[in-house]
């Protein structure tokens, strides 16, 4: 399966919005976001892996993910699911953490960019003619360099999602 088109729109300060269309049914894209074995296939930027993925998919449930860089550096993130409306809407908090899921300050290599310790992510899925339109809203991202980096990382991950979805 391949990605059909990409549209990126920045709505306002502190918010990044990315819209992607996937040649897959909505249930398949939902599984890519909510099933550990599928999430691990696409999470992280190009050339990164996701060796650890724990999802407790319920409102108030937590997740714990590890992105591993090509050099072997681990970047842990955790958060809480705030809203789950399968298969159309997922809202959660996101912050850096240690390997036990305890929130920590952002890593030193990006802390100077002003990323807050906790942000909110909303994923909205709409099915149209057998395809899925996915809108990601990442709130709390400072303008400029941090926003550009987040946009690049999300888009590289979504490029990997295309391949991951084809394996579901």
N, C-alpha and C. Protein backbone atom coordinates (compact mmCIF):
# COMPACT_ATOMS: atom_id res chain seq x y z
N UNK A 1 0.84 -1.17 0.00
CA UNK A 1 0.00 0.00 0.00
C UNK A 1 0.88 1.23 0.00
N UNK A 2 0.42 2.24 -0.64
CA UNK A 2 1.24 3.44 -0.67
C UNK A 2 0.45 4.65 -0.23
N UNK A 3 1.18 5.62 0.23
CA UNK A 3 0.59 6.87 0.65
C UNK A 3 0.09 7.59 -0.59
N UNK A 4 -1.09 8.19 -0.50
CA UNK A 4 -1.66 8.84 -1.66
C UNK A 4 -1.29 10.31 -1.76
N UNK A 5 -1.36 11.02 -0.67
CA UNK A 5 -0.95 12.42 -0.71
C UNK A 5 -0.61 12.91 0.68
N UNK A 6 0.03 14.03 0.72
CA UNK A 6 0.43 14.62 2.00
C UNK A 6 0.02 16.08 1.98
N UNK A 7 -0.56 16.52 3.09
CA UNK A 7 -0.89 17.93 3.24
C UNK A 7 -0.53 18.32 4.65
N UNK A 8 0.28 19.34 4.79
CA UNK A 8 0.70 19.79 6.11
C UNK A 8 0.21 21.22 6.28
N UNK A 9 -0.46 21.47 7.39
CA UNK A 9 -0.97 22.80 7.66
C UNK A 9 -0.68 23.16 9.10
N UNK A 10 -0.05 24.28 9.32
CA UNK A 10 0.16 24.78 10.67
C UNK A 10 -1.00 25.72 10.97
N UNK A 11 -1.81 25.38 11.96
CA UNK A 11 -3.00 26.14 12.25
C UNK A 11 -2.69 27.42 13.02
N UNK A 12 -1.93 27.29 14.11
CA UNK A 12 -1.57 28.46 14.90
C UNK A 12 -0.36 28.12 15.74
N UNK A 13 0.15 29.12 16.41
CA UNK A 13 1.29 28.93 17.29
C UNK A 13 1.04 27.80 18.28
N UNK A 14 2.10 27.06 18.59
CA UNK A 14 2.05 25.97 19.56
C UNK A 14 1.27 24.76 19.07
N UNK A 15 0.94 24.68 17.79
CA UNK A 15 0.16 23.56 17.29
C UNK A 15 0.69 23.16 15.91
N UNK A 16 0.89 21.86 15.74
CA UNK A 16 1.29 21.31 14.46
C UNK A 16 0.18 20.40 13.99
N UNK A 17 -0.28 20.57 12.75
CA UNK A 17 -1.32 19.72 12.18
C UNK A 17 -0.76 19.07 10.92
N UNK A 18 -0.88 17.74 10.87
CA UNK A 18 -0.43 16.98 9.71
C UNK A 18 -1.60 16.13 9.24
N UNK A 19 -1.89 16.18 7.95
CA UNK A 19 -2.95 15.38 7.35
C UNK A 19 -2.33 14.43 6.34
N UNK A 20 -2.65 13.15 6.48
CA UNK A 20 -2.16 12.14 5.55
C UNK A 20 -3.33 11.28 5.11
N UNK A 21 -3.27 10.79 3.89
CA UNK A 21 -4.28 9.87 3.38
C UNK A 21 -3.61 8.54 3.11
N UNK A 22 -4.21 7.47 3.63
CA UNK A 22 -3.67 6.13 3.47
C UNK A 22 -4.63 5.27 2.66
N UNK A 23 -4.06 4.43 1.82
CA UNK A 23 -4.83 3.52 0.99
C UNK A 23 -5.13 2.26 1.81
N UNK A 24 -5.93 2.45 2.86
CA UNK A 24 -6.26 1.35 3.76
C UNK A 24 -7.55 1.71 4.49
N UNK A 25 -8.31 0.69 4.90
CA UNK A 25 -9.52 0.97 5.67
C UNK A 25 -9.20 1.57 7.04
N UNK A 26 -10.17 2.25 7.60
CA UNK A 26 -9.98 2.94 8.88
C UNK A 26 -9.56 1.98 9.99
N UNK A 27 -10.12 0.78 10.03
CA UNK A 27 -9.77 -0.19 11.08
C UNK A 27 -8.29 -0.55 11.04
N UNK A 28 -7.74 -0.63 9.85
CA UNK A 28 -6.32 -0.96 9.70
C UNK A 28 -5.44 0.16 10.24
N UNK A 29 -5.78 1.40 9.92
CA UNK A 29 -5.00 2.53 10.42
C UNK A 29 -5.16 2.64 11.94
N UNK A 30 -6.37 2.39 12.44
CA UNK A 30 -6.60 2.40 13.89
C UNK A 30 -5.69 1.37 14.57
N UNK A 31 -5.60 0.18 14.01
CA UNK A 31 -4.74 -0.86 14.59
C UNK A 31 -3.28 -0.43 14.59
N UNK A 32 -2.86 0.29 13.57
CA UNK A 32 -1.47 0.78 13.53
C UNK A 32 -1.18 1.68 14.73
N UNK A 33 -2.17 2.40 15.19
CA UNK A 33 -2.03 3.31 16.34
C UNK A 33 -2.22 2.62 17.68
N UNK A 34 -2.94 1.50 17.72
CA UNK A 34 -3.40 0.99 19.01
C UNK A 34 -2.97 -0.44 19.35
N UNK A 35 -2.37 -1.15 18.43
CA UNK A 35 -1.93 -2.53 18.69
C UNK A 35 -0.40 -2.54 18.74
N UNK A 36 0.14 -3.01 19.85
CA UNK A 36 1.59 -2.94 20.09
C UNK A 36 2.42 -3.47 18.94
N UNK A 37 2.11 -4.67 18.45
CA UNK A 37 2.94 -5.27 17.40
C UNK A 37 2.92 -4.45 16.11
N UNK A 38 1.83 -3.74 15.86
CA UNK A 38 1.75 -2.90 14.65
C UNK A 38 2.42 -1.55 14.88
N UNK A 39 2.23 -0.99 16.06
CA UNK A 39 2.82 0.31 16.39
C UNK A 39 4.35 0.26 16.29
N UNK A 40 4.92 -0.84 16.76
CA UNK A 40 6.38 -0.99 16.76
C UNK A 40 6.98 -0.91 15.35
N UNK A 41 6.18 -1.22 14.34
CA UNK A 41 6.69 -1.24 12.97
C UNK A 41 6.92 0.15 12.39
N UNK A 42 6.28 1.16 12.96
CA UNK A 42 6.39 2.48 12.33
C UNK A 42 6.83 3.60 13.27
N UNK A 43 6.80 3.39 14.56
CA UNK A 43 7.07 4.49 15.48
C UNK A 43 8.51 4.96 15.40
N UNK A 44 8.69 6.24 15.25
CA UNK A 44 10.01 6.86 15.24
C UNK A 44 10.40 7.32 13.86
N UNK A 45 11.39 8.21 13.81
CA UNK A 45 11.85 8.71 12.52
C UNK A 45 12.56 7.63 11.70
N UNK A 46 12.88 7.99 10.49
CA UNK A 46 13.58 7.09 9.57
C UNK A 46 14.83 6.52 10.27
N UNK A 47 15.05 5.25 10.08
CA UNK A 47 16.21 4.52 10.60
C UNK A 47 16.17 4.29 12.11
N UNK A 48 15.13 4.71 12.79
CA UNK A 48 14.95 4.41 14.20
C UNK A 48 14.08 3.16 14.32
N UNK A 49 14.23 2.44 15.42
CA UNK A 49 13.37 1.30 15.70
C UNK A 49 12.59 1.57 16.98
N UNK A 50 11.64 0.71 17.23
CA UNK A 50 10.83 0.80 18.45
C UNK A 50 10.90 -0.56 19.15
N UNK A 51 11.95 -0.78 19.96
CA UNK A 51 12.11 -2.09 20.59
C UNK A 51 11.14 -2.36 21.74
N UNK A 52 10.57 -1.30 22.32
CA UNK A 52 9.63 -1.47 23.43
C UNK A 52 8.38 -0.65 23.14
N UNK A 53 7.23 -1.31 23.25
CA UNK A 53 5.95 -0.64 23.04
C UNK A 53 4.93 -1.32 23.95
N UNK A 54 4.46 -0.56 24.94
CA UNK A 54 3.45 -1.08 25.86
C UNK A 54 2.26 -0.13 25.82
N UNK A 55 1.10 -0.67 25.48
CA UNK A 55 -0.11 0.13 25.34
C UNK A 55 -1.21 -0.42 26.24
N UNK A 56 -1.73 0.43 27.12
CA UNK A 56 -2.90 0.10 27.95
C UNK A 56 -4.03 0.98 27.42
N UNK A 57 -4.70 0.48 26.38
CA UNK A 57 -5.65 1.29 25.61
C UNK A 57 -7.00 1.39 26.33
N UNK A 58 -7.07 2.36 27.20
CA UNK A 58 -8.31 2.71 27.90
C UNK A 58 -8.12 4.14 28.40
N UNK A 59 -9.21 4.85 28.57
CA UNK A 59 -9.11 6.20 29.12
C UNK A 59 -8.46 6.10 30.50
N UNK A 60 -7.41 6.86 30.69
CA UNK A 60 -6.62 6.79 31.92
C UNK A 60 -5.49 5.79 31.84
N UNK A 61 -5.49 4.97 30.80
CA UNK A 61 -4.42 4.00 30.60
C UNK A 61 -3.14 4.70 30.15
N UNK A 62 -2.04 4.04 30.37
CA UNK A 62 -0.73 4.61 30.03
C UNK A 62 -0.11 3.84 28.87
N UNK A 63 0.87 4.48 28.25
CA UNK A 63 1.70 3.80 27.26
C UNK A 63 3.15 4.09 27.59
N UNK A 64 4.03 3.25 27.05
CA UNK A 64 5.47 3.44 27.19
C UNK A 64 6.11 2.98 25.89
N UNK A 65 6.83 3.88 25.23
CA UNK A 65 7.49 3.58 23.96
C UNK A 65 8.97 3.90 24.07
N UNK A 66 9.76 3.17 23.33
CA UNK A 66 11.19 3.45 23.22
C UNK A 66 11.53 3.60 21.75
N UNK A 67 12.12 4.73 21.39
CA UNK A 67 12.69 4.92 20.05
C UNK A 67 14.19 4.70 20.19
N UNK A 68 14.74 3.85 19.34
CA UNK A 68 16.18 3.60 19.38
C UNK A 68 16.81 4.16 18.11
N UNK A 69 17.80 5.02 18.30
CA UNK A 69 18.49 5.64 17.17
C UNK A 69 19.43 4.63 16.52
N UNK A 70 19.88 4.92 15.29
CA UNK A 70 20.84 4.03 14.64
C UNK A 70 22.13 3.87 15.45
N UNK A 71 22.45 4.85 16.31
CA UNK A 71 23.66 4.76 17.15
C UNK A 71 23.39 4.02 18.46
N UNK A 72 22.15 3.57 18.67
CA UNK A 72 21.83 2.81 19.87
C UNK A 72 21.33 3.64 21.04
N UNK A 73 21.10 4.94 20.84
CA UNK A 73 20.55 5.78 21.90
C UNK A 73 19.05 5.53 22.03
N UNK A 74 18.58 5.38 23.26
CA UNK A 74 17.16 5.16 23.51
C UNK A 74 16.50 6.45 23.95
N UNK A 75 15.32 6.72 23.37
CA UNK A 75 14.50 7.86 23.74
C UNK A 75 13.14 7.30 24.17
N UNK A 76 12.85 7.41 25.45
CA UNK A 76 11.63 6.86 26.02
C UNK A 76 10.56 7.93 26.10
N UNK A 77 9.31 7.54 25.82
CA UNK A 77 8.18 8.45 25.98
C UNK A 77 7.04 7.70 26.67
N UNK A 78 6.24 8.48 27.37
CA UNK A 78 5.07 7.93 28.06
C UNK A 78 3.94 8.93 27.98
N UNK A 79 2.77 8.49 28.32
CA UNK A 79 1.63 9.39 28.34
C UNK A 79 0.39 8.65 28.80
N UNK A 80 -0.69 9.40 28.83
CA UNK A 80 -1.97 8.87 29.29
C UNK A 80 -3.01 9.09 28.20
N UNK A 81 -3.83 8.08 27.97
CA UNK A 81 -4.93 8.20 27.02
C UNK A 81 -6.06 8.99 27.66
N UNK A 82 -6.43 10.10 27.02
CA UNK A 82 -7.47 10.98 27.54
C UNK A 82 -8.83 10.69 26.91
N UNK A 83 -8.82 10.29 25.64
CA UNK A 83 -10.07 10.03 24.92
C UNK A 83 -9.81 8.93 23.90
N UNK A 84 -10.72 7.97 23.84
CA UNK A 84 -10.63 6.88 22.86
C UNK A 84 -12.01 6.66 22.29
N UNK A 85 -12.16 6.91 20.99
CA UNK A 85 -13.41 6.66 20.28
C UNK A 85 -13.07 5.82 19.06
N UNK A 86 -12.95 4.51 19.27
CA UNK A 86 -12.54 3.61 18.19
C UNK A 86 -13.59 3.58 17.09
N UNK A 87 -13.21 3.60 15.84
CA UNK A 87 -11.85 3.74 15.31
C UNK A 87 -11.58 5.13 14.75
N UNK A 88 -12.13 6.16 15.37
CA UNK A 88 -12.04 7.49 14.75
C UNK A 88 -11.23 8.54 15.50
N UNK A 89 -11.02 8.36 16.80
CA UNK A 89 -10.37 9.45 17.55
C UNK A 89 -9.58 8.90 18.73
N UNK A 90 -8.36 9.43 18.86
CA UNK A 90 -7.46 9.04 19.94
C UNK A 90 -6.79 10.32 20.45
N UNK A 91 -6.88 10.58 21.75
CA UNK A 91 -6.27 11.77 22.35
C UNK A 91 -5.43 11.30 23.53
N UNK A 92 -4.19 11.77 23.57
CA UNK A 92 -3.30 11.36 24.65
C UNK A 92 -2.28 12.44 24.96
N UNK A 93 -1.71 12.34 26.17
CA UNK A 93 -0.60 13.22 26.53
C UNK A 93 0.69 12.53 26.13
N UNK A 94 1.76 13.30 26.03
CA UNK A 94 3.04 12.74 25.61
C UNK A 94 4.16 13.49 26.33
N UNK A 95 5.08 12.73 26.91
CA UNK A 95 6.24 13.34 27.54
C UNK A 95 7.40 12.35 27.50
N UNK A 96 8.60 12.88 27.62
CA UNK A 96 9.77 12.01 27.72
C UNK A 96 9.72 11.31 29.07
N UNK A 97 10.32 10.13 29.13
CA UNK A 97 10.31 9.37 30.37
C UNK A 97 11.58 8.54 30.49
N UNK A 98 11.72 7.90 31.64
CA UNK A 98 12.77 6.89 31.76
C UNK A 98 12.17 5.55 31.33
N UNK A 99 12.97 4.50 31.40
CA UNK A 99 12.52 3.19 30.93
C UNK A 99 11.41 2.59 31.79
N UNK A 100 11.14 3.19 32.93
CA UNK A 100 10.05 2.73 33.80
C UNK A 100 8.77 3.55 33.63
N UNK A 101 8.79 4.52 32.71
CA UNK A 101 7.61 5.33 32.47
C UNK A 101 7.47 6.54 33.37
N UNK A 102 8.50 6.86 34.12
CA UNK A 102 8.47 8.06 34.96
C UNK A 102 8.83 9.27 34.12
N UNK A 103 7.96 10.28 34.04
CA UNK A 103 8.27 11.46 33.22
C UNK A 103 9.58 12.12 33.64
N UNK A 104 10.34 12.56 32.64
CA UNK A 104 11.60 13.27 32.85
C UNK A 104 11.65 14.46 31.91
N UNK A 105 12.59 15.35 32.14
CA UNK A 105 12.79 16.49 31.25
C UNK A 105 13.24 16.00 29.88
N UNK A 106 12.98 16.77 28.83
CA UNK A 106 13.45 16.38 27.50
C UNK A 106 14.96 16.16 27.49
N UNK A 107 15.45 15.28 26.61
CA UNK A 107 16.90 15.03 26.53
C UNK A 107 17.67 16.31 26.24
N UNK A 108 18.92 16.34 26.66
CA UNK A 108 19.74 17.54 26.53
C UNK A 108 19.91 17.99 25.08
N UNK A 109 19.88 17.05 24.13
CA UNK A 109 20.08 17.44 22.74
C UNK A 109 18.90 18.20 22.15
N UNK A 110 17.74 18.20 22.82
CA UNK A 110 16.62 18.99 22.32
C UNK A 110 16.01 19.92 23.38
N UNK A 111 16.47 19.84 24.61
CA UNK A 111 15.88 20.68 25.66
C UNK A 111 16.05 22.17 25.38
N UNK A 112 17.10 22.53 24.67
CA UNK A 112 17.33 23.94 24.36
C UNK A 112 16.32 24.49 23.36
N UNK A 113 15.55 23.60 22.72
CA UNK A 113 14.57 24.04 21.73
C UNK A 113 13.24 24.44 22.37
N UNK A 114 13.13 24.28 23.67
CA UNK A 114 11.95 24.77 24.37
C UNK A 114 10.76 23.84 24.40
N UNK A 115 10.96 22.55 24.18
CA UNK A 115 9.85 21.60 24.24
C UNK A 115 9.35 21.48 25.67
N UNK A 116 8.04 21.65 25.88
CA UNK A 116 7.53 21.49 27.23
C UNK A 116 7.60 20.03 27.67
N UNK A 117 7.49 19.81 28.96
CA UNK A 117 7.60 18.44 29.48
C UNK A 117 6.40 17.58 29.13
N UNK A 118 5.27 18.19 28.80
CA UNK A 118 4.07 17.42 28.50
C UNK A 118 3.31 18.11 27.37
N UNK A 119 2.94 17.35 26.34
CA UNK A 119 2.17 17.88 25.23
C UNK A 119 0.95 16.99 25.01
N UNK A 120 0.05 17.45 24.16
CA UNK A 120 -1.16 16.69 23.85
C UNK A 120 -1.18 16.36 22.36
N UNK A 121 -1.57 15.12 22.05
CA UNK A 121 -1.65 14.66 20.67
C UNK A 121 -3.07 14.14 20.42
N UNK A 122 -3.66 14.59 19.31
CA UNK A 122 -4.98 14.12 18.90
C UNK A 122 -4.85 13.51 17.51
N UNK A 123 -5.41 12.32 17.35
CA UNK A 123 -5.43 11.64 16.05
C UNK A 123 -6.90 11.45 15.67
N UNK A 124 -7.26 11.95 14.48
CA UNK A 124 -8.62 11.81 13.98
C UNK A 124 -8.56 11.04 12.67
N UNK A 125 -9.38 9.99 12.56
CA UNK A 125 -9.42 9.16 11.36
C UNK A 125 -10.80 9.24 10.73
N UNK A 126 -10.82 9.42 9.41
CA UNK A 126 -12.07 9.46 8.65
C UNK A 126 -11.90 8.53 7.46
N UNK A 127 -12.88 7.65 7.26
CA UNK A 127 -12.82 6.75 6.11
C UNK A 127 -13.61 7.34 4.96
N UNK A 128 -13.01 7.30 3.78
CA UNK A 128 -13.66 7.83 2.59
C UNK A 128 -13.27 6.96 1.41
N UNK A 129 -14.25 6.31 0.81
CA UNK A 129 -14.03 5.46 -0.36
C UNK A 129 -12.96 4.40 -0.12
N UNK A 130 -12.98 3.77 1.04
CA UNK A 130 -12.03 2.71 1.34
C UNK A 130 -10.65 3.18 1.75
N UNK A 131 -10.45 4.48 1.77
CA UNK A 131 -9.17 5.05 2.18
C UNK A 131 -9.38 5.74 3.53
N UNK A 132 -8.29 6.04 4.21
CA UNK A 132 -8.40 6.70 5.51
C UNK A 132 -7.64 8.02 5.49
N UNK A 133 -8.34 9.07 5.88
CA UNK A 133 -7.72 10.38 6.04
C UNK A 133 -7.40 10.52 7.53
N UNK A 134 -6.13 10.72 7.83
CA UNK A 134 -5.66 10.83 9.20
C UNK A 134 -5.21 12.27 9.45
N UNK A 135 -5.73 12.87 10.50
CA UNK A 135 -5.29 14.19 10.93
C UNK A 135 -4.64 14.06 12.30
N UNK A 136 -3.41 14.51 12.40
CA UNK A 136 -2.69 14.52 13.66
C UNK A 136 -2.56 15.97 14.12
N UNK A 137 -2.93 16.23 15.36
CA UNK A 137 -2.79 17.56 15.95
C UNK A 137 -1.88 17.42 17.16
N UNK A 138 -0.71 18.05 17.09
CA UNK A 138 0.28 17.97 18.17
C UNK A 138 0.32 19.35 18.81
N UNK A 139 -0.22 19.46 20.02
CA UNK A 139 -0.33 20.75 20.70
C UNK A 139 0.77 20.93 21.73
N UNK A 140 1.22 22.17 21.85
CA UNK A 140 2.22 22.51 22.85
C UNK A 140 3.63 22.55 22.31
N UNK A 141 3.76 22.59 20.98
CA UNK A 141 5.09 22.61 20.37
C UNK A 141 5.49 24.05 20.09
N UNK A 142 6.63 24.47 20.60
CA UNK A 142 7.08 25.83 20.32
C UNK A 142 7.33 26.04 18.82
N UNK A 143 7.22 27.26 18.40
CA UNK A 143 7.47 27.61 17.00
C UNK A 143 8.92 27.38 16.62
N UNK A 144 9.18 27.52 15.34
CA UNK A 144 10.53 27.52 14.79
C UNK A 144 11.16 26.13 14.79
N UNK A 145 12.38 26.03 15.31
CA UNK A 145 13.18 24.82 15.14
C UNK A 145 12.52 23.57 15.72
N UNK A 146 11.92 23.67 16.89
CA UNK A 146 11.28 22.50 17.51
C UNK A 146 10.10 22.03 16.68
N UNK A 147 9.31 22.95 16.18
CA UNK A 147 8.15 22.60 15.36
C UNK A 147 8.60 21.93 14.06
N UNK A 148 9.65 22.47 13.45
CA UNK A 148 10.18 21.88 12.22
C UNK A 148 10.70 20.47 12.48
N UNK A 149 11.37 20.27 13.60
CA UNK A 149 11.88 18.95 13.93
C UNK A 149 10.73 17.97 14.17
N UNK A 150 9.70 18.39 14.90
CA UNK A 150 8.55 17.53 15.16
C UNK A 150 7.85 17.16 13.85
N UNK A 151 7.71 18.13 12.96
CA UNK A 151 7.08 17.88 11.66
C UNK A 151 7.87 16.83 10.88
N UNK A 152 9.18 16.96 10.86
CA UNK A 152 10.03 16.00 10.15
C UNK A 152 9.92 14.61 10.77
N UNK A 153 9.98 14.53 12.09
CA UNK A 153 9.91 13.23 12.77
C UNK A 153 8.57 12.55 12.53
N UNK A 154 7.47 13.29 12.68
CA UNK A 154 6.16 12.69 12.43
C UNK A 154 6.05 12.20 11.00
N UNK A 155 6.47 13.02 10.04
CA UNK A 155 6.34 12.61 8.64
C UNK A 155 7.21 11.41 8.30
N UNK A 156 8.40 11.33 8.87
CA UNK A 156 9.23 10.14 8.65
C UNK A 156 8.56 8.91 9.25
N UNK A 157 7.95 9.06 10.42
CA UNK A 157 7.23 7.94 11.04
C UNK A 157 6.03 7.54 10.17
N UNK A 158 5.30 8.51 9.66
CA UNK A 158 4.14 8.18 8.84
C UNK A 158 4.54 7.55 7.51
N UNK A 159 5.71 7.91 6.99
CA UNK A 159 6.22 7.20 5.81
C UNK A 159 6.42 5.73 6.14
N UNK A 160 6.95 5.44 7.33
CA UNK A 160 7.12 4.05 7.78
C UNK A 160 5.77 3.39 8.03
N UNK A 161 4.78 4.17 8.44
CA UNK A 161 3.45 3.63 8.70
C UNK A 161 2.85 3.02 7.44
N UNK A 162 3.14 3.60 6.30
CA UNK A 162 2.63 3.06 5.03
C UNK A 162 3.02 1.60 4.90
N UNK A 163 4.29 1.29 5.15
CA UNK A 163 4.76 -0.09 5.08
C UNK A 163 4.14 -0.93 6.19
N UNK A 164 4.08 -0.38 7.39
CA UNK A 164 3.49 -1.10 8.52
C UNK A 164 2.04 -1.47 8.28
N UNK A 165 1.28 -0.56 7.70
CA UNK A 165 -0.13 -0.81 7.42
C UNK A 165 -0.28 -1.94 6.41
N UNK A 166 0.62 -2.02 5.46
CA UNK A 166 0.52 -3.07 4.44
C UNK A 166 0.73 -4.46 5.03
N UNK A 167 1.26 -4.53 6.25
CA UNK A 167 1.52 -5.82 6.90
C UNK A 167 0.44 -6.20 7.91
N UNK A 168 -0.59 -5.38 8.02
CA UNK A 168 -1.68 -5.69 8.97
C UNK A 168 -2.73 -6.54 8.27
